[in-house]
């Protein structure tokens, strides 16, 4: 049963990767634009690897690629987002210092920061948890999801390359 599930997923590898990457991006954009949760700089950084995996998966699906290397590259993207999530969760818990851009105050370092300061909109602070569910912040849930997606993509990569070598 599980083997046939993986066989069906392998046939749609690019689509599976694109969906795995699109889910957290959609959740982040809904949280931002529907519920008004402003992202901090680290929140935005966590989105970039998902965007890369989404583009990779969509291109693979459109071109019909079914390579284990594609799934391995997606696994790296998912793991990278989870890694940024670990750093972000550590900043939220006060385990280490965040980036200078995460304070939401100070001297503007670029044009966007200056514009935000002039317009009175400060970026969200990275060391504050705006929302938690079951005791985990959004960054913490990103670690869980990114780790799960990385393991799933890695499993698909191993199965895909193993099947081709037989």
N, C-alpha and C. Protein backbone atom coordinates (compact mmCIF):
# COMPACT_ATOMS: atom_id res chain seq x y z
N UNK A 1 0.82 -1.20 0.00
CA UNK A 1 0.00 0.00 0.00
C UNK A 1 0.87 1.26 0.00
N UNK A 2 1.82 1.33 0.94
CA UNK A 2 2.68 2.52 0.99
C UNK A 2 3.58 2.57 -0.23
N UNK A 3 4.04 1.41 -0.71
CA UNK A 3 4.87 1.39 -1.90
C UNK A 3 4.11 1.94 -3.11
N UNK A 4 2.85 1.56 -3.26
CA UNK A 4 2.09 2.06 -4.40
C UNK A 4 1.83 3.56 -4.27
N UNK A 5 1.70 4.05 -3.02
CA UNK A 5 1.54 5.49 -2.81
C UNK A 5 2.79 6.22 -3.29
N UNK A 6 3.98 5.72 -2.91
CA UNK A 6 5.21 6.36 -3.36
C UNK A 6 5.39 6.25 -4.86
N UNK A 7 4.93 5.14 -5.48
CA UNK A 7 5.01 5.02 -6.93
C UNK A 7 4.16 6.09 -7.61
N UNK A 8 2.96 6.33 -7.07
CA UNK A 8 2.10 7.36 -7.64
C UNK A 8 2.69 8.75 -7.43
N UNK A 9 3.29 8.99 -6.26
CA UNK A 9 3.91 10.29 -6.01
C UNK A 9 5.11 10.52 -6.91
N UNK A 10 5.86 9.45 -7.19
CA UNK A 10 7.04 9.58 -8.04
C UNK A 10 6.65 10.03 -9.44
N UNK A 11 5.49 9.61 -9.92
CA UNK A 11 5.03 10.00 -11.25
C UNK A 11 4.70 11.49 -11.31
N UNK A 12 4.42 12.07 -10.17
CA UNK A 12 4.08 13.50 -10.10
C UNK A 12 5.05 14.22 -9.17
N UNK A 13 6.30 13.89 -9.27
CA UNK A 13 7.31 14.41 -8.35
C UNK A 13 7.36 15.93 -8.35
N UNK A 14 7.40 16.55 -9.51
CA UNK A 14 7.46 18.00 -9.59
C UNK A 14 6.25 18.66 -8.97
N UNK A 15 5.07 18.11 -9.25
CA UNK A 15 3.84 18.65 -8.68
C UNK A 15 3.84 18.52 -7.16
N UNK A 16 4.28 17.38 -6.66
CA UNK A 16 4.34 17.15 -5.21
C UNK A 16 5.26 18.18 -4.54
N UNK A 17 6.40 18.42 -5.13
CA UNK A 17 7.35 19.39 -4.57
C UNK A 17 6.76 20.80 -4.63
N UNK A 18 6.12 21.14 -5.74
CA UNK A 18 5.51 22.46 -5.86
C UNK A 18 4.43 22.66 -4.80
N UNK A 19 3.61 21.65 -4.57
CA UNK A 19 2.55 21.75 -3.55
C UNK A 19 3.16 21.86 -2.16
N UNK A 20 4.17 21.04 -1.86
CA UNK A 20 4.83 21.11 -0.55
C UNK A 20 5.41 22.50 -0.30
N UNK A 21 5.90 23.14 -1.35
CA UNK A 21 6.48 24.49 -1.21
C UNK A 21 5.40 25.56 -1.17
N UNK A 22 4.31 25.35 -1.88
CA UNK A 22 3.25 26.37 -1.95
C UNK A 22 2.45 26.48 -0.66
N UNK A 23 2.29 25.39 0.07
CA UNK A 23 1.48 25.42 1.29
C UNK A 23 1.98 26.42 2.33
N UNK A 24 3.26 26.38 2.72
CA UNK A 24 3.70 27.37 3.72
C UNK A 24 3.71 28.79 3.17
N UNK A 25 3.97 28.95 1.88
CA UNK A 25 3.92 30.29 1.30
C UNK A 25 2.50 30.84 1.35
N UNK A 26 1.53 30.01 1.01
CA UNK A 26 0.13 30.44 1.07
C UNK A 26 -0.26 30.78 2.51
N UNK A 27 0.15 29.94 3.45
CA UNK A 27 -0.17 30.20 4.86
C UNK A 27 0.44 31.52 5.33
N UNK A 28 1.68 31.78 4.92
CA UNK A 28 2.35 33.03 5.32
C UNK A 28 1.66 34.25 4.72
N UNK A 29 1.28 34.15 3.45
CA UNK A 29 0.62 35.28 2.81
C UNK A 29 -0.79 35.52 3.37
N UNK A 30 -1.48 34.45 3.71
CA UNK A 30 -2.80 34.60 4.35
C UNK A 30 -2.65 35.24 5.72
N UNK A 31 -1.66 34.78 6.49
CA UNK A 31 -1.42 35.37 7.81
C UNK A 31 -1.09 36.85 7.69
N UNK A 32 -0.33 37.20 6.65
CA UNK A 32 0.09 38.59 6.47
C UNK A 32 -1.06 39.47 5.96
N UNK A 33 -1.71 39.06 4.90
CA UNK A 33 -2.67 39.94 4.24
C UNK A 33 -4.11 39.79 4.73
N UNK A 34 -4.47 38.63 5.26
CA UNK A 34 -5.83 38.45 5.75
C UNK A 34 -5.92 38.74 7.25
N UNK A 35 -4.93 38.23 8.01
CA UNK A 35 -4.97 38.39 9.46
C UNK A 35 -4.09 39.52 9.98
N UNK A 36 -3.37 40.20 9.10
CA UNK A 36 -2.60 41.38 9.48
C UNK A 36 -1.34 41.11 10.29
N UNK A 37 -0.78 39.90 10.23
CA UNK A 37 0.47 39.60 10.93
C UNK A 37 1.64 40.07 10.07
N UNK A 38 2.25 41.17 10.45
CA UNK A 38 3.37 41.70 9.68
C UNK A 38 4.59 40.80 9.86
N UNK A 39 5.27 40.43 8.77
CA UNK A 39 6.44 39.57 8.90
C UNK A 39 7.68 40.36 9.30
N UNK A 40 8.51 39.73 10.10
CA UNK A 40 9.81 40.33 10.41
C UNK A 40 10.79 39.92 9.31
N UNK A 41 11.99 40.48 9.29
CA UNK A 41 12.95 40.10 8.25
C UNK A 41 13.26 38.60 8.20
N UNK A 42 13.35 37.94 9.36
CA UNK A 42 13.62 36.50 9.35
C UNK A 42 12.43 35.70 8.82
N UNK A 43 11.22 36.19 9.07
CA UNK A 43 10.03 35.54 8.50
C UNK A 43 10.11 35.56 6.97
N UNK A 44 10.52 36.69 6.44
CA UNK A 44 10.64 36.81 4.98
C UNK A 44 11.75 35.90 4.47
N UNK A 45 12.86 35.82 5.18
CA UNK A 45 13.96 34.93 4.77
C UNK A 45 13.50 33.48 4.70
N UNK A 46 12.60 33.08 5.60
CA UNK A 46 12.13 31.70 5.60
C UNK A 46 11.29 31.38 4.36
N UNK A 47 10.79 32.39 3.70
CA UNK A 47 9.96 32.18 2.51
C UNK A 47 10.79 31.90 1.26
N UNK A 48 11.99 32.46 1.16
CA UNK A 48 12.78 32.35 -0.07
C UNK A 48 13.09 30.91 -0.47
N UNK A 49 13.52 30.03 0.45
CA UNK A 49 13.77 28.64 0.02
C UNK A 49 12.51 27.94 -0.48
N UNK A 50 11.37 28.25 0.13
CA UNK A 50 10.11 27.67 -0.36
C UNK A 50 9.81 28.16 -1.77
N UNK A 51 10.08 29.43 -2.03
CA UNK A 51 9.86 29.97 -3.37
C UNK A 51 10.76 29.27 -4.38
N UNK A 52 12.02 29.04 -4.01
CA UNK A 52 12.94 28.32 -4.90
C UNK A 52 12.43 26.91 -5.18
N UNK A 53 11.96 26.22 -4.14
CA UNK A 53 11.44 24.86 -4.33
C UNK A 53 10.17 24.88 -5.17
N UNK A 54 9.35 25.90 -5.00
CA UNK A 54 8.12 26.02 -5.80
C UNK A 54 8.46 26.18 -7.28
N UNK A 55 9.39 27.06 -7.59
CA UNK A 55 9.80 27.27 -8.99
C UNK A 55 10.41 25.99 -9.55
N UNK A 56 11.26 25.34 -8.77
CA UNK A 56 11.89 24.09 -9.18
C UNK A 56 10.84 23.01 -9.45
N UNK A 57 9.91 22.84 -8.53
CA UNK A 57 8.87 21.83 -8.69
C UNK A 57 7.94 22.12 -9.85
N UNK A 58 7.54 23.38 -10.00
CA UNK A 58 6.65 23.75 -11.10
C UNK A 58 7.33 23.54 -12.45
N UNK A 59 8.60 23.91 -12.54
CA UNK A 59 9.34 23.71 -13.79
C UNK A 59 9.47 22.21 -14.09
N UNK A 60 9.77 21.44 -13.07
CA UNK A 60 9.92 19.99 -13.26
C UNK A 60 8.60 19.37 -13.70
N UNK A 61 7.51 19.81 -13.09
CA UNK A 61 6.20 19.27 -13.46
C UNK A 61 5.86 19.65 -14.89
N UNK A 62 6.11 20.90 -15.27
CA UNK A 62 5.80 21.37 -16.62
C UNK A 62 6.65 20.65 -17.67
N UNK A 63 7.90 20.36 -17.33
CA UNK A 63 8.81 19.74 -18.29
C UNK A 63 8.83 18.21 -18.20
N UNK A 64 8.11 17.66 -17.23
CA UNK A 64 8.04 16.21 -17.10
C UNK A 64 9.27 15.56 -16.49
N UNK A 65 10.06 16.31 -15.76
CA UNK A 65 11.25 15.73 -15.11
C UNK A 65 10.81 14.87 -13.94
N UNK A 66 11.48 13.72 -13.78
CA UNK A 66 11.22 12.85 -12.64
C UNK A 66 12.55 12.36 -12.09
N UNK A 67 13.38 13.27 -11.72
CA UNK A 67 14.72 12.94 -11.27
C UNK A 67 14.81 12.98 -9.75
N UNK A 68 15.57 12.06 -9.22
CA UNK A 68 15.84 12.08 -7.79
C UNK A 68 16.62 13.31 -7.38
N UNK A 69 17.40 13.85 -8.32
CA UNK A 69 18.18 15.06 -8.01
C UNK A 69 17.26 16.26 -7.78
N UNK A 70 16.16 16.28 -8.48
CA UNK A 70 15.17 17.33 -8.29
C UNK A 70 14.64 17.29 -6.85
N UNK A 71 14.27 16.11 -6.41
CA UNK A 71 13.75 15.96 -5.04
C UNK A 71 14.84 16.27 -4.02
N UNK A 72 16.08 15.91 -4.31
CA UNK A 72 17.18 16.22 -3.39
C UNK A 72 17.40 17.73 -3.29
N UNK A 73 17.32 18.42 -4.42
CA UNK A 73 17.46 19.89 -4.39
C UNK A 73 16.31 20.52 -3.61
N UNK A 74 15.11 19.99 -3.78
CA UNK A 74 13.97 20.50 -3.01
C UNK A 74 14.16 20.22 -1.53
N UNK A 75 14.71 19.06 -1.19
CA UNK A 75 14.97 18.74 0.21
C UNK A 75 15.93 19.75 0.82
N UNK A 76 16.93 20.16 0.05
CA UNK A 76 17.86 21.19 0.54
C UNK A 76 17.15 22.52 0.76
N UNK A 77 16.24 22.87 -0.14
CA UNK A 77 15.47 24.11 0.03
C UNK A 77 14.63 24.05 1.30
N UNK A 78 13.93 22.93 1.50
CA UNK A 78 13.09 22.79 2.69
C UNK A 78 13.93 22.82 3.96
N UNK A 79 15.08 22.15 3.92
CA UNK A 79 15.96 22.14 5.09
C UNK A 79 16.53 23.53 5.36
N UNK A 80 16.80 24.29 4.30
CA UNK A 80 17.31 25.66 4.48
C UNK A 80 16.27 26.53 5.18
N UNK A 81 15.01 26.40 4.79
CA UNK A 81 13.97 27.18 5.46
C UNK A 81 13.83 26.75 6.91
N UNK A 82 13.91 25.46 7.17
CA UNK A 82 13.86 24.97 8.55
C UNK A 82 15.05 25.50 9.35
N UNK A 83 16.21 25.58 8.71
CA UNK A 83 17.40 26.11 9.39
C UNK A 83 17.23 27.57 9.79
N UNK A 84 16.68 28.37 8.88
CA UNK A 84 16.40 29.77 9.22
C UNK A 84 15.36 29.82 10.34
N UNK A 85 14.41 28.88 10.30
CA UNK A 85 13.40 28.80 11.35
C UNK A 85 14.01 28.49 12.71
N UNK A 86 15.01 27.62 12.75
CA UNK A 86 15.71 27.31 14.01
C UNK A 86 16.38 28.58 14.54
N UNK A 87 17.06 29.30 13.66
CA UNK A 87 17.70 30.55 14.08
C UNK A 87 16.65 31.54 14.60
N UNK A 88 15.56 31.67 13.88
CA UNK A 88 14.50 32.60 14.25
C UNK A 88 13.87 32.21 15.59
N UNK A 89 13.58 30.93 15.78
CA UNK A 89 13.01 30.47 17.05
C UNK A 89 13.98 30.73 18.20
N UNK A 90 15.27 30.58 17.95
CA UNK A 90 16.27 30.88 18.97
C UNK A 90 16.29 32.35 19.34
N UNK A 91 16.12 33.21 18.34
CA UNK A 91 16.04 34.65 18.60
C UNK A 91 14.78 34.95 19.42
N UNK A 92 13.67 34.33 19.06
CA UNK A 92 12.42 34.55 19.80
C UNK A 92 12.54 34.12 21.26
N UNK A 93 13.26 33.04 21.50
CA UNK A 93 13.41 32.52 22.86
C UNK A 93 14.55 33.19 23.62
N UNK A 94 15.28 34.09 22.96
CA UNK A 94 16.38 34.79 23.61
C UNK A 94 17.64 33.95 23.76
N UNK A 95 17.75 32.88 22.97
CA UNK A 95 18.94 32.03 23.04
C UNK A 95 20.15 32.68 22.40
N UNK A 96 19.94 33.53 21.43
CA UNK A 96 21.01 34.28 20.78
C UNK A 96 20.45 35.57 20.21
N UNK A 97 21.36 36.42 19.83
CA UNK A 97 21.02 37.75 19.31
C UNK A 97 20.53 37.63 17.87
N UNK A 98 19.53 38.42 17.53
CA UNK A 98 19.04 38.46 16.15
C UNK A 98 19.88 39.40 15.31
N UNK A 99 19.46 39.61 14.10
CA UNK A 99 20.14 40.52 13.18
C UNK A 99 19.80 41.96 13.51
N UNK A 100 20.62 42.89 13.04
CA UNK A 100 20.34 44.31 13.27
C UNK A 100 19.01 44.73 12.65
N UNK A 101 18.66 44.14 11.53
CA UNK A 101 17.40 44.50 10.86
C UNK A 101 16.18 43.96 11.59
N UNK A 102 16.39 43.15 12.61
CA UNK A 102 15.27 42.52 13.33
C UNK A 102 14.76 43.33 14.51
N UNK A 103 15.37 44.45 14.81
CA UNK A 103 14.97 45.17 16.02
C UNK A 103 13.76 46.05 15.80
N UNK A 104 13.48 46.42 14.58
CA UNK A 104 12.33 47.28 14.32
C UNK A 104 12.57 48.73 14.67
N UNK A 105 13.79 49.09 14.99
CA UNK A 105 14.10 50.47 15.35
C UNK A 105 15.54 50.77 14.94
N UNK A 106 15.96 52.00 15.18
CA UNK A 106 17.35 52.37 14.90
C UNK A 106 17.48 53.21 13.65
N UNK A 107 18.70 53.41 13.24
CA UNK A 107 19.00 54.21 12.07
C UNK A 107 18.71 53.39 10.82
N UNK A 108 17.99 53.95 9.87
CA UNK A 108 17.69 53.20 8.66
C UNK A 108 18.97 52.90 7.88
N UNK A 109 19.10 51.65 7.43
CA UNK A 109 20.29 51.24 6.70
C UNK A 109 20.13 51.26 5.20
N UNK A 110 18.90 51.35 4.73
CA UNK A 110 18.66 51.39 3.29
C UNK A 110 17.41 52.21 3.00
N UNK A 111 17.09 52.35 1.73
CA UNK A 111 15.96 53.18 1.33
C UNK A 111 14.62 52.65 1.85
N UNK A 112 14.44 51.32 1.82
CA UNK A 112 13.19 50.75 2.33
C UNK A 112 13.01 51.03 3.81
N UNK A 113 14.08 50.89 4.57
CA UNK A 113 14.01 51.16 6.01
C UNK A 113 13.72 52.63 6.27
N UNK A 114 14.34 53.50 5.48
CA UNK A 114 14.10 54.94 5.63
C UNK A 114 12.64 55.27 5.31
N UNK A 115 12.14 54.70 4.21
CA UNK A 115 10.75 54.93 3.83
C UNK A 115 9.80 54.45 4.93
N UNK A 116 10.07 53.27 5.48
CA UNK A 116 9.23 52.75 6.56
C UNK A 116 9.26 53.65 7.77
N UNK A 117 10.45 54.17 8.08
CA UNK A 117 10.58 55.04 9.25
C UNK A 117 9.84 56.36 9.02
N UNK A 118 9.96 56.90 7.82
CA UNK A 118 9.29 58.16 7.50
C UNK A 118 7.77 57.98 7.52
N UNK A 119 7.30 56.87 6.98
CA UNK A 119 5.86 56.61 6.94
C UNK A 119 5.32 56.10 8.27
N UNK A 120 6.20 55.87 9.22
CA UNK A 120 5.77 55.44 10.55
C UNK A 120 5.45 53.97 10.67
N UNK A 121 5.84 53.17 9.69
CA UNK A 121 5.61 51.73 9.77
C UNK A 121 6.93 51.04 10.04
N UNK A 122 7.07 50.51 11.20
CA UNK A 122 8.29 49.79 11.56
C UNK A 122 8.12 48.31 11.23
N UNK A 123 9.18 47.66 10.77
CA UNK A 123 9.07 46.22 10.53
C UNK A 123 8.86 45.49 11.86
N UNK A 124 8.25 44.34 11.79
CA UNK A 124 8.01 43.54 13.00
C UNK A 124 9.35 43.12 13.60
N UNK A 125 9.37 42.96 14.90
CA UNK A 125 10.58 42.54 15.60
C UNK A 125 10.71 41.02 15.51
N UNK A 126 11.93 40.55 15.32
CA UNK A 126 12.18 39.11 15.21
C UNK A 126 12.17 38.42 16.57
N UNK A 127 12.35 39.18 17.64
CA UNK A 127 12.44 38.56 18.96
C UNK A 127 11.10 38.52 19.69
N UNK A 128 10.04 38.89 19.02
CA UNK A 128 8.70 38.83 19.62
C UNK A 128 7.84 37.82 18.87
N UNK A 129 7.08 37.05 19.62
CA UNK A 129 6.21 36.03 19.03
C UNK A 129 4.82 36.64 18.85
N UNK A 130 4.41 36.90 17.60
CA UNK A 130 3.09 37.51 17.39
C UNK A 130 1.94 36.52 17.53
N UNK A 131 2.23 35.23 17.34
CA UNK A 131 1.19 34.20 17.38
C UNK A 131 1.84 32.87 17.71
N UNK A 132 1.21 32.11 18.58
CA UNK A 132 1.68 30.77 18.92
C UNK A 132 0.51 29.80 18.89
N UNK A 133 0.78 28.58 18.47
CA UNK A 133 -0.24 27.53 18.44
C UNK A 133 0.36 26.29 19.06
N UNK A 134 -0.30 25.73 20.05
CA UNK A 134 0.18 24.57 20.79
C UNK A 134 1.59 24.80 21.34
N UNK A 135 1.85 26.01 21.76
CA UNK A 135 3.13 26.34 22.38
C UNK A 135 4.28 26.62 21.43
N UNK A 136 4.03 26.55 20.13
CA UNK A 136 5.08 26.83 19.15
C UNK A 136 4.75 28.10 18.38
N UNK A 137 5.78 28.91 18.16
CA UNK A 137 5.60 30.11 17.34
C UNK A 137 5.51 29.69 15.87
N UNK A 138 5.24 30.66 15.03
CA UNK A 138 5.19 30.38 13.59
C UNK A 138 6.55 29.89 13.11
N UNK A 139 7.63 30.48 13.64
CA UNK A 139 8.98 30.02 13.28
C UNK A 139 9.18 28.57 13.71
N UNK A 140 8.69 28.22 14.88
CA UNK A 140 8.80 26.84 15.35
C UNK A 140 8.04 25.87 14.47
N UNK A 141 6.83 26.27 14.05
CA UNK A 141 6.06 25.42 13.15
C UNK A 141 6.74 25.31 11.79
N UNK A 142 7.45 26.36 11.36
CA UNK A 142 8.19 26.29 10.11
C UNK A 142 9.31 25.25 10.21
N UNK A 143 9.94 25.15 11.38
CA UNK A 143 10.97 24.14 11.58
C UNK A 143 10.36 22.75 11.43
N UNK A 144 9.21 22.53 12.06
CA UNK A 144 8.54 21.23 11.98
C UNK A 144 8.16 20.92 10.53
N UNK A 145 7.50 21.88 9.86
CA UNK A 145 7.05 21.65 8.49
C UNK A 145 8.24 21.49 7.54
N UNK A 146 9.21 22.39 7.64
CA UNK A 146 10.37 22.31 6.76
C UNK A 146 11.14 21.01 6.94
N UNK A 147 11.27 20.56 8.18
CA UNK A 147 11.94 19.28 8.44
C UNK A 147 11.17 18.11 7.86
N UNK A 148 9.84 18.12 8.05
CA UNK A 148 9.00 17.07 7.48
C UNK A 148 9.09 17.07 5.96
N UNK A 149 8.97 18.24 5.34
CA UNK A 149 9.02 18.33 3.88
C UNK A 149 10.39 17.90 3.35
N UNK A 150 11.46 18.25 4.07
CA UNK A 150 12.81 17.84 3.65
C UNK A 150 12.95 16.32 3.71
N UNK A 151 12.44 15.71 4.79
CA UNK A 151 12.53 14.24 4.91
C UNK A 151 11.70 13.56 3.83
N UNK A 152 10.52 14.09 3.55
CA UNK A 152 9.68 13.51 2.51
C UNK A 152 10.35 13.63 1.14
N UNK A 153 10.88 14.81 0.84
CA UNK A 153 11.56 15.02 -0.45
C UNK A 153 12.80 14.14 -0.56
N UNK A 154 13.53 13.98 0.55
CA UNK A 154 14.71 13.12 0.54
C UNK A 154 14.31 11.66 0.32
N UNK A 155 13.22 11.24 0.94
CA UNK A 155 12.71 9.88 0.73
C UNK A 155 12.34 9.68 -0.74
N UNK A 156 11.67 10.65 -1.33
CA UNK A 156 11.32 10.57 -2.75
C UNK A 156 12.58 10.54 -3.62
N UNK A 157 13.60 11.31 -3.23
CA UNK A 157 14.85 11.33 -4.00
C UNK A 157 15.53 9.97 -3.97
N UNK A 158 15.62 9.38 -2.78
CA UNK A 158 16.27 8.07 -2.64
C UNK A 158 15.49 7.01 -3.41
N UNK A 159 14.18 7.03 -3.29
CA UNK A 159 13.36 6.04 -4.00
C UNK A 159 13.46 6.23 -5.51
N UNK A 160 13.50 7.47 -5.95
CA UNK A 160 13.54 7.74 -7.39
C UNK A 160 14.88 7.31 -7.99
N UNK A 161 15.98 7.65 -7.33
CA UNK A 161 17.30 7.26 -7.86
C UNK A 161 17.52 5.77 -7.69
N UNK A 162 17.01 5.18 -6.63
CA UNK A 162 17.15 3.74 -6.42
C UNK A 162 16.41 2.94 -7.48
N UNK A 163 15.26 3.42 -7.90
CA UNK A 163 14.46 2.74 -8.90
C UNK A 163 15.15 2.80 -10.26
N UNK A 164 15.83 3.90 -10.55
CA UNK A 164 16.49 4.05 -11.85
C UNK A 164 17.74 3.18 -11.97
N UNK A 165 18.37 2.86 -10.82
CA UNK A 165 19.60 2.09 -10.88
C UNK A 165 19.32 0.59 -10.96
N UNK A 166 18.07 0.18 -10.76
CA UNK A 166 17.74 -1.25 -10.81
C UNK A 166 17.63 -1.74 -12.22
